[in-house]
């Protein structure tokens, strides 16, 4: 049996080892602000209005919320973040987070930028184990929805859909050539089946020797564990490795509202406890079938991280086994990322980058999610406060 290192997510000395006293205090002030629902709501509205009016607010955003949650405005600026994380044994998932316009030129530009992230990862594979993309950055969401609804496409739509698939293939082909793994992000349920099918096609093409393409499963959907089991069997039958990234999910309110408005059963689990159980059951399935699976556990949930460590021990999976990764968002849950990496586990932070104005939708979602997730911001604040107190006492 492997000896699994002891890990405590309360160890703030490790969690914040990368931050100076001044940086730690800045982080405290940021999360303190985000702990106020009213502040986030009003502030977000004002920021959106300022951006729409083209007011010069970049000088306010970039050194504050942008600096905390993003790696930079371009790949060159992201170098600093990649290097900083690598010093603590943490990898980077390069995430081009610009939400572009829905036209062919924008889709081509996104494809080209993602291929640049692949080339960047190829040249620095030790510290950039993954890149990531959303298929809606390459194919219009309305077209994905129409394909999933089995609606007949016009000649122009068929051409547009095929060009979109070719963009996806170009990225995955480059990943295979560069030996860089790539996550295909999950999106809304009414386009997810189309995204899944494209992902499976790429896996069958490029995952013959190892997992290059990873599909993402939102475990707050009540059908996703069955989907993982089905996809595992299909991968076995197809002779390729199933790459997957289980997450809890990001579209819960939107999903429930649409289901109610259109009169169909919501795809979302009825309780948080059901989602937690399904997520953890996915971890159990993946570790039990590790010979034909590679996965990255995208989670900010401490209990799930502890569980995965236990499952790795029970299934004789070494902490350094590259078939298993933990992942958190840059700027969040450093107590998980840094403590896991310190103990020798594979960890990669999602590091978004892009021009400040273009990344604002992402940043506002981060702020809203932190206030919406019960206890998330309070937990961050408590840990930061504990570390500030520990440092103060250590200087006496």
Protein backbone atom coordinates (compact mmCIF):
# COMPACT_ATOMS: atom_id res chain seq x y z
CA UNK A 1 0.00 0.00 0.00
CA UNK A 2 1.12 3.58 -0.68
CA UNK A 3 1.93 5.79 2.27
CA UNK A 4 -0.36 8.78 1.94
CA UNK A 5 0.99 11.97 3.57
CA UNK A 6 -1.08 13.59 6.27
CA UNK A 7 -2.73 16.78 5.07
CA UNK A 8 -4.53 19.45 7.08
CA UNK A 9 -6.47 22.09 5.19
CA UNK A 10 -6.30 24.26 8.30
CA UNK A 11 -2.55 24.71 7.87
CA UNK A 12 -2.47 28.38 6.94
CA UNK A 13 1.32 28.67 7.03
CA UNK A 14 1.47 26.41 3.96
CA UNK A 15 -1.73 27.78 2.41
CA UNK A 16 -0.44 31.37 2.29
CA UNK A 17 3.29 30.76 2.01
CA UNK A 18 3.37 32.58 -1.33
CA UNK A 19 1.92 35.82 0.08
CA UNK A 20 3.75 38.63 1.82
CA UNK A 21 2.10 40.32 4.79
CA UNK A 22 0.94 43.14 2.52
CA UNK A 23 -0.49 40.74 -0.07
CA UNK A 24 -2.26 38.78 2.63
CA UNK A 25 -3.88 41.97 3.95
CA UNK A 26 -4.97 42.95 0.42
CA UNK A 27 -6.57 39.52 0.03
CA UNK A 28 -8.33 39.95 3.37
CA UNK A 29 -9.81 43.28 2.26
CA UNK A 30 -10.96 41.81 -1.06
CA UNK A 31 -12.78 38.87 0.51
CA UNK A 32 -14.17 41.15 3.21
CA UNK A 33 -15.77 43.22 0.45
CA UNK A 34 -17.04 40.13 -1.35
CA UNK A 35 -18.63 38.91 1.88
CA UNK A 36 -21.29 41.60 1.40
CA UNK A 37 -24.07 40.60 -1.01
CA UNK A 38 -25.15 44.21 -1.36
CA UNK A 39 -21.61 45.38 -2.15
CA UNK A 40 -21.12 42.70 -4.81
CA UNK A 41 -24.51 43.35 -6.41
CA UNK A 42 -24.24 47.14 -6.48
CA UNK A 43 -20.53 47.12 -7.30
CA UNK A 44 -21.02 44.62 -10.12
CA UNK A 45 -23.77 46.74 -11.62
CA UNK A 46 -21.64 49.88 -11.47
CA UNK A 47 -18.66 48.10 -13.05
CA UNK A 48 -20.81 46.78 -15.89
CA UNK A 49 -22.23 50.24 -16.49
CA UNK A 50 -18.77 51.80 -16.46
CA UNK A 51 -17.47 49.25 -18.97
CA UNK A 52 -20.46 49.78 -21.27
CA UNK A 53 -19.83 53.53 -21.14
CA UNK A 54 -16.12 52.94 -21.83
CA UNK A 55 -15.10 54.76 -18.66
CA UNK A 56 -11.42 54.44 -17.63
CA UNK A 57 -11.79 52.02 -14.71
CA UNK A 58 -9.07 49.53 -15.65
CA UNK A 59 -6.66 51.18 -13.18
CA UNK A 60 -9.08 50.24 -10.37
CA UNK A 61 -9.90 46.69 -11.46
CA UNK A 62 -6.51 45.40 -12.58
CA UNK A 63 -4.59 45.77 -9.27
CA UNK A 64 -7.52 44.44 -7.20
CA UNK A 65 -10.06 41.79 -8.23
CA UNK A 66 -8.36 41.11 -11.58
CA UNK A 67 -4.96 40.61 -9.97
CA UNK A 68 -6.43 38.18 -7.44
CA UNK A 69 -8.44 35.95 -9.79
CA UNK A 70 -6.57 36.27 -13.12
CA UNK A 71 -3.07 35.55 -14.34
CA UNK A 72 -2.73 38.56 -16.60
CA UNK A 73 -4.06 40.21 -19.73
CA UNK A 74 -2.06 37.96 -22.05
CA UNK A 75 0.18 34.90 -21.99
CA UNK A 76 3.26 37.02 -21.35
CA UNK A 77 1.75 38.57 -18.24
CA UNK A 78 0.59 35.14 -17.08
CA UNK A 79 4.25 34.02 -16.88
CA UNK A 80 4.56 35.55 -13.42
CA UNK A 81 1.61 33.55 -12.10
CA UNK A 82 2.79 30.32 -13.72
CA UNK A 83 6.23 30.77 -12.16
CA UNK A 84 4.82 31.66 -8.74
CA UNK A 85 2.60 28.59 -8.64
CA UNK A 86 5.38 26.32 -9.90
CA UNK A 87 7.61 27.34 -6.98
CA UNK A 88 5.10 25.61 -4.72
CA UNK A 89 4.62 22.53 -6.90
CA UNK A 90 1.31 23.71 -8.37
CA UNK A 91 0.57 23.46 -12.08
CA UNK A 92 -1.38 25.91 -14.20
CA UNK A 93 -4.47 25.31 -16.33
CA UNK A 94 -4.27 28.09 -18.92
CA UNK A 95 -7.79 29.44 -19.41
CA UNK A 96 -8.43 32.05 -22.09
CA UNK A 97 -11.51 33.60 -20.46
CA UNK A 98 -12.55 36.12 -23.09
CA UNK A 99 -16.22 35.72 -24.01
CA UNK A 100 -16.17 36.81 -27.64
CA UNK A 101 -18.79 37.64 -30.20
CA UNK A 102 -20.63 34.85 -31.95
CA UNK A 103 -19.18 35.09 -35.43
CA UNK A 104 -16.71 33.14 -37.54
CA UNK A 105 -13.88 35.65 -37.09
CA UNK A 106 -14.27 35.56 -33.29
CA UNK A 107 -14.40 31.74 -33.28
CA UNK A 108 -11.22 31.56 -35.37
CA UNK A 109 -9.50 34.05 -33.09
CA UNK A 110 -10.43 31.97 -30.03
CA UNK A 111 -9.15 28.78 -31.70
CA UNK A 112 -5.85 30.46 -32.49
CA UNK A 113 -5.44 31.79 -28.96
CA UNK A 114 -6.16 28.38 -27.42
CA UNK A 115 -3.58 26.80 -29.72
CA UNK A 116 -1.12 29.39 -28.40
CA UNK A 117 -1.85 28.12 -24.87
CA UNK A 118 -1.14 24.58 -26.09
CA UNK A 119 2.20 25.68 -27.53
CA UNK A 120 2.97 27.51 -24.28
CA UNK A 121 2.18 24.33 -22.33
CA UNK A 122 4.28 22.22 -24.70
CA UNK A 123 7.31 24.38 -23.95
CA UNK A 124 6.63 24.33 -20.20
CA UNK A 125 4.79 21.04 -19.70
CA UNK A 126 6.03 20.46 -16.16
CA UNK A 127 4.23 23.56 -14.92
CA UNK A 128 1.35 23.74 -17.41
CA UNK A 129 -0.14 20.23 -17.48
CA UNK A 130 -3.49 21.31 -18.97
CA UNK A 131 -5.19 23.85 -21.13
CA UNK A 132 -8.97 24.33 -21.45
CA UNK A 133 -11.66 25.69 -23.75
CA UNK A 134 -15.41 26.13 -24.05
CA UNK A 135 -16.97 24.80 -27.22
CA UNK A 136 -19.27 27.86 -27.25
CA UNK A 137 -16.13 29.86 -27.95
CA UNK A 138 -15.81 27.93 -31.23
CA UNK A 139 -19.41 27.17 -32.25
CA UNK A 140 -22.51 29.33 -31.76
CA UNK A 141 -24.61 28.16 -28.76
CA UNK A 142 -27.80 28.48 -30.84
CA UNK A 143 -26.35 26.03 -33.35
CA UNK A 144 -25.31 23.57 -30.63
CA UNK A 145 -28.83 23.76 -29.22
CA UNK A 146 -30.41 23.16 -32.62
CA UNK A 147 -28.22 20.10 -33.20
CA UNK A 148 -29.14 18.70 -29.78
CA UNK A 149 -32.86 19.26 -30.47
CA UNK A 150 -32.47 17.19 -33.69
CA UNK A 151 -33.75 20.12 -35.73
CA UNK A 152 -32.99 20.15 -39.41
CA UNK A 153 -30.06 22.41 -40.28
CA UNK A 154 -29.83 24.64 -43.31
CA UNK A 155 -26.91 24.23 -45.69
CA UNK A 156 -25.21 27.25 -44.11
CA UNK A 157 -25.76 25.87 -40.59
CA UNK A 158 -24.33 22.49 -41.52
CA UNK A 159 -21.26 24.26 -42.88
CA UNK A 160 -20.93 26.39 -39.74
CA UNK A 161 -21.25 23.35 -37.48
CA UNK A 162 -18.61 21.44 -39.45
CA UNK A 163 -16.23 24.41 -39.27
CA UNK A 164 -16.78 24.47 -35.51
CA UNK A 165 -15.92 20.78 -35.20
CA UNK A 166 -12.82 21.41 -37.27
CA UNK A 167 -11.76 24.13 -34.82
CA UNK A 168 -12.17 21.70 -31.93
CA UNK A 169 -10.21 19.07 -33.83
CA UNK A 170 -7.42 21.53 -34.61
CA UNK A 171 -6.99 22.22 -30.89
CA UNK A 172 -7.13 18.56 -29.85
CA UNK A 173 -4.79 17.53 -32.66
CA UNK A 174 -2.25 20.11 -31.52
CA UNK A 175 -2.64 18.89 -27.93
CA UNK A 176 -1.94 15.32 -29.02
CA UNK A 177 1.09 16.43 -31.00
CA UNK A 178 2.40 18.51 -28.07
CA UNK A 179 1.51 15.88 -25.43
CA UNK A 180 -0.60 18.43 -23.55
CA UNK A 181 -3.94 17.47 -22.01
CA UNK A 182 -7.02 19.63 -22.56
CA UNK A 183 -10.29 20.06 -20.68
CA UNK A 184 -13.51 20.58 -22.61
CA UNK A 185 -15.63 22.69 -20.26
CA UNK A 186 -19.19 21.71 -19.42
CA UNK A 187 -22.01 24.11 -20.27
CA UNK A 188 -25.83 24.26 -20.13
CA UNK A 189 -27.81 21.02 -20.35
CA UNK A 190 -29.61 22.06 -23.55
CA UNK A 191 -26.28 22.08 -25.43
CA UNK A 192 -24.28 19.61 -23.31
CA UNK A 193 -25.19 16.49 -25.29
CA UNK A 194 -23.79 18.07 -28.45
CA UNK A 195 -20.64 19.06 -26.55
CA UNK A 196 -20.34 15.54 -25.13
CA UNK A 197 -20.61 13.93 -28.55
CA UNK A 198 -17.88 16.15 -29.97
CA UNK A 199 -15.71 15.36 -26.93
CA UNK A 200 -16.19 11.60 -27.35
CA UNK A 201 -15.22 11.89 -31.01
CA UNK A 202 -12.01 13.67 -29.99
CA UNK A 203 -11.25 11.11 -27.26
CA UNK A 204 -11.66 8.22 -29.67
CA UNK A 205 -9.25 9.96 -32.01
CA UNK A 206 -6.61 11.21 -29.57
CA UNK A 207 -6.87 9.18 -26.32
CA UNK A 208 -5.61 5.85 -27.65
CA UNK A 209 -2.37 5.83 -25.63
CA UNK A 210 -3.29 8.18 -22.76
CA UNK A 211 -5.85 10.81 -21.82
CA UNK A 212 -5.31 13.94 -23.90
CA UNK A 213 -8.94 15.10 -24.09
CA UNK A 214 -10.95 15.35 -20.86
CA UNK A 215 -14.71 15.91 -20.84
CA UNK A 216 -16.29 17.77 -17.91
CA UNK A 217 -19.19 16.35 -15.89
CA UNK A 218 -21.36 18.62 -13.74
CA UNK A 219 -22.31 16.36 -10.87
CA UNK A 220 -25.18 18.54 -9.68
CA UNK A 221 -27.04 16.99 -12.61
CA UNK A 222 -28.83 13.84 -11.52
CA UNK A 223 -27.87 11.89 -14.67
CA UNK A 224 -24.12 12.51 -14.68
CA UNK A 225 -22.94 9.47 -12.69
CA UNK A 226 -24.80 7.22 -15.12
CA UNK A 227 -23.20 9.18 -17.96
CA UNK A 228 -19.72 8.53 -16.55
CA UNK A 229 -20.42 4.80 -16.27
CA UNK A 230 -21.80 4.72 -19.82
CA UNK A 231 -18.84 6.66 -21.18
CA UNK A 232 -16.41 4.39 -19.38
CA UNK A 233 -17.93 1.34 -21.07
CA UNK A 234 -17.87 3.08 -24.45
CA UNK A 235 -14.20 3.96 -23.93
CA UNK A 236 -13.40 0.34 -23.13
CA UNK A 237 -15.27 -0.84 -26.21
CA UNK A 238 -13.63 1.85 -28.33
CA UNK A 239 -10.12 1.15 -27.11
CA UNK A 240 -9.35 4.59 -25.68
CA UNK A 241 -8.79 6.13 -22.25
CA UNK A 242 -11.66 8.06 -20.69
CA UNK A 243 -10.50 11.49 -19.60
CA UNK A 244 -12.90 13.29 -17.28
CA UNK A 245 -13.14 16.21 -14.93
CA UNK A 246 -15.93 15.95 -12.37
CA UNK A 247 -17.10 19.30 -11.00
CA UNK A 248 -20.19 20.22 -9.02
CA UNK A 249 -21.52 22.70 -11.58
CA UNK A 250 -21.97 26.33 -12.55
CA UNK A 251 -25.43 26.92 -14.04
CA UNK A 252 -27.83 25.82 -11.32
CA UNK A 253 -30.08 28.89 -11.16
CA UNK A 254 -30.25 29.22 -14.94
CA UNK A 255 -31.07 25.50 -15.32
CA UNK A 256 -33.89 25.55 -12.79
CA UNK A 257 -35.44 28.73 -14.19
CA UNK A 258 -35.46 27.37 -17.73
CA UNK A 259 -36.91 24.03 -16.63
CA UNK A 260 -39.69 25.81 -14.76
CA UNK A 261 -40.41 28.21 -17.61
CA UNK A 262 -40.56 25.45 -20.23
CA UNK A 263 -42.30 22.88 -18.07
CA UNK A 264 -39.80 20.04 -17.97
CA UNK A 265 -38.14 18.27 -15.04
CA UNK A 266 -35.05 20.12 -13.84
CA UNK A 267 -31.80 18.22 -14.51
CA UNK A 268 -30.42 19.50 -11.20
CA UNK A 269 -30.38 17.36 -8.04
CA UNK A 270 -33.07 18.40 -5.60
CA UNK A 271 -30.63 18.92 -2.69
CA UNK A 272 -27.01 19.88 -2.16
CA UNK A 273 -26.53 16.63 -0.25
CA UNK A 274 -27.56 14.66 -3.34
CA UNK A 275 -25.04 16.56 -5.45
CA UNK A 276 -22.30 15.99 -2.87
CA UNK A 277 -23.06 12.27 -2.80
CA UNK A 278 -23.05 12.04 -6.59
CA UNK A 279 -19.74 13.90 -6.78
CA UNK A 280 -18.15 11.62 -4.23
CA UNK A 281 -19.57 8.53 -5.93
CA UNK A 282 -17.92 9.73 -9.14
CA UNK A 283 -14.58 9.85 -7.29
CA UNK A 284 -15.18 6.32 -6.05
CA UNK A 285 -15.93 5.09 -9.56
CA UNK A 286 -12.89 6.78 -11.09
CA UNK A 287 -10.41 5.48 -8.53
CA UNK A 288 -11.87 1.97 -8.72
CA UNK A 289 -11.44 1.98 -12.52
CA UNK A 290 -8.15 3.89 -12.70
CA UNK A 291 -6.61 1.45 -15.20
CA UNK A 292 -8.76 2.93 -17.98
CA UNK A 293 -9.47 6.39 -16.57
CA UNK A 294 -7.58 9.63 -16.00
CA UNK A 295 -9.38 12.35 -14.08
CA UNK A 296 -9.04 15.75 -12.50
CA UNK A 297 -11.19 16.44 -9.46
CA UNK A 298 -12.29 20.05 -9.82
CA UNK A 299 -13.49 20.89 -6.34
CA UNK A 300 -13.34 23.46 -3.54
CA UNK A 301 -14.96 21.00 -1.15
CA UNK A 302 -12.64 19.91 1.65
CA UNK A 303 -14.57 16.71 2.42
CA UNK A 304 -14.29 15.57 -1.20
CA UNK A 305 -10.55 16.23 -1.19
CA UNK A 306 -10.08 14.21 1.99
CA UNK A 307 -12.20 11.44 0.48
CA UNK A 308 -10.14 11.33 -2.71
CA UNK A 309 -6.94 11.04 -0.71
CA UNK A 310 -8.46 8.09 1.18
CA UNK A 311 -9.63 6.48 -2.06
CA UNK A 312 -6.18 6.83 -3.57
CA UNK A 313 -4.71 5.01 -0.58
CA UNK A 314 -7.35 2.27 -0.73
CA UNK A 315 -6.77 1.75 -4.46
CA UNK A 316 -2.98 1.88 -4.15
CA UNK A 317 -2.68 5.04 -6.24
CA UNK A 318 0.43 7.08 -5.45
CA UNK A 319 -0.07 10.81 -4.76
CA UNK A 320 2.17 11.57 -7.74
CA UNK A 321 0.24 9.34 -10.18
CA UNK A 322 -0.45 11.60 -13.18
CA UNK A 323 -3.81 9.95 -13.80
CA UNK A 324 -5.21 11.84 -10.80
CA UNK A 325 -5.21 15.62 -10.34
CA UNK A 326 -6.86 18.01 -7.93
CA UNK A 327 -7.87 21.44 -9.24
CA UNK A 328 -9.13 24.74 -7.83
CA UNK A 329 -9.64 28.21 -9.26
CA UNK A 330 -6.80 30.69 -9.02
CA UNK A 331 -7.44 33.04 -6.12
CA UNK A 332 -9.63 30.60 -4.21
CA UNK A 333 -9.14 27.72 -1.75
CA UNK A 334 -5.37 28.07 -1.45
CA UNK A 335 -5.63 26.04 1.73
CA UNK A 336 -6.54 23.06 -0.49
CA UNK A 337 -4.15 23.66 -3.38
CA UNK A 338 -1.00 24.50 -1.45
CA UNK A 339 -1.42 21.84 1.23
CA UNK A 340 -2.14 19.12 -1.33
CA UNK A 341 0.85 20.13 -3.44
CA UNK A 342 3.10 20.28 -0.38
CA UNK A 343 2.13 16.67 0.38
CA UNK A 344 3.07 15.56 -3.14
CA UNK A 345 -0.32 15.39 -4.85
CA UNK A 346 -0.84 16.63 -8.39
CA UNK A 347 -2.54 20.03 -8.25
CA UNK A 348 -3.35 22.51 -11.00
CA UNK A 349 -4.95 25.91 -10.60
CA UNK A 350 -7.32 27.29 -13.24
CA UNK A 351 -5.61 30.53 -14.28
CA UNK A 352 -7.85 32.76 -16.44
CA UNK A 353 -6.28 35.44 -18.58
CA UNK A 354 -7.39 38.06 -21.09
CA UNK A 355 -7.90 41.83 -21.39
CA UNK A 356 -9.44 43.31 -18.24
CA UNK A 357 -12.63 44.53 -19.93
CA UNK A 358 -13.16 41.24 -21.76
CA UNK A 359 -12.68 39.15 -18.61
CA UNK A 360 -15.12 41.17 -16.50
CA UNK A 361 -18.04 38.72 -17.00
CA UNK A 362 -15.80 35.99 -15.52
CA UNK A 363 -14.73 38.16 -12.60
CA UNK A 364 -18.28 39.17 -11.73
CA UNK A 365 -19.32 35.50 -11.74
CA UNK A 366 -16.47 34.72 -9.33
CA UNK A 367 -17.63 37.47 -6.99
CA UNK A 368 -21.26 36.35 -7.19
CA UNK A 369 -20.38 32.68 -6.70
CA UNK A 370 -18.33 33.47 -3.60
CA UNK A 371 -21.27 35.27 -2.04
CA UNK A 372 -23.78 32.65 -3.22
CA UNK A 373 -21.92 29.59 -1.93
CA UNK A 374 -22.82 29.30 1.70
CA UNK A 375 -19.74 29.78 3.87
CA UNK A 376 -17.22 30.03 0.98
CA UNK A 377 -16.15 33.62 1.56
CA UNK A 378 -16.45 33.29 5.34
CA UNK A 379 -14.15 30.26 5.22
CA UNK A 380 -11.60 32.19 3.13
CA UNK A 381 -11.78 35.11 5.55
CA UNK A 382 -11.34 32.90 8.61
CA UNK A 383 -8.26 31.23 7.14
CA UNK A 384 -6.70 34.56 6.16
CA UNK A 385 -7.44 36.01 9.57
CA UNK A 386 -5.89 32.96 11.26
CA UNK A 387 -2.73 33.33 9.20
CA UNK A 388 -2.47 37.05 9.93
CA UNK A 389 -2.82 36.26 13.63
CA UNK A 390 -0.23 33.43 13.40
CA UNK A 391 2.30 35.72 11.74
CA UNK A 392 1.73 38.47 14.27
CA UNK A 393 2.32 36.08 17.18
CA UNK A 394 5.39 34.60 15.49
CA UNK A 395 6.99 38.05 15.38
CA UNK A 396 6.63 38.62 19.12
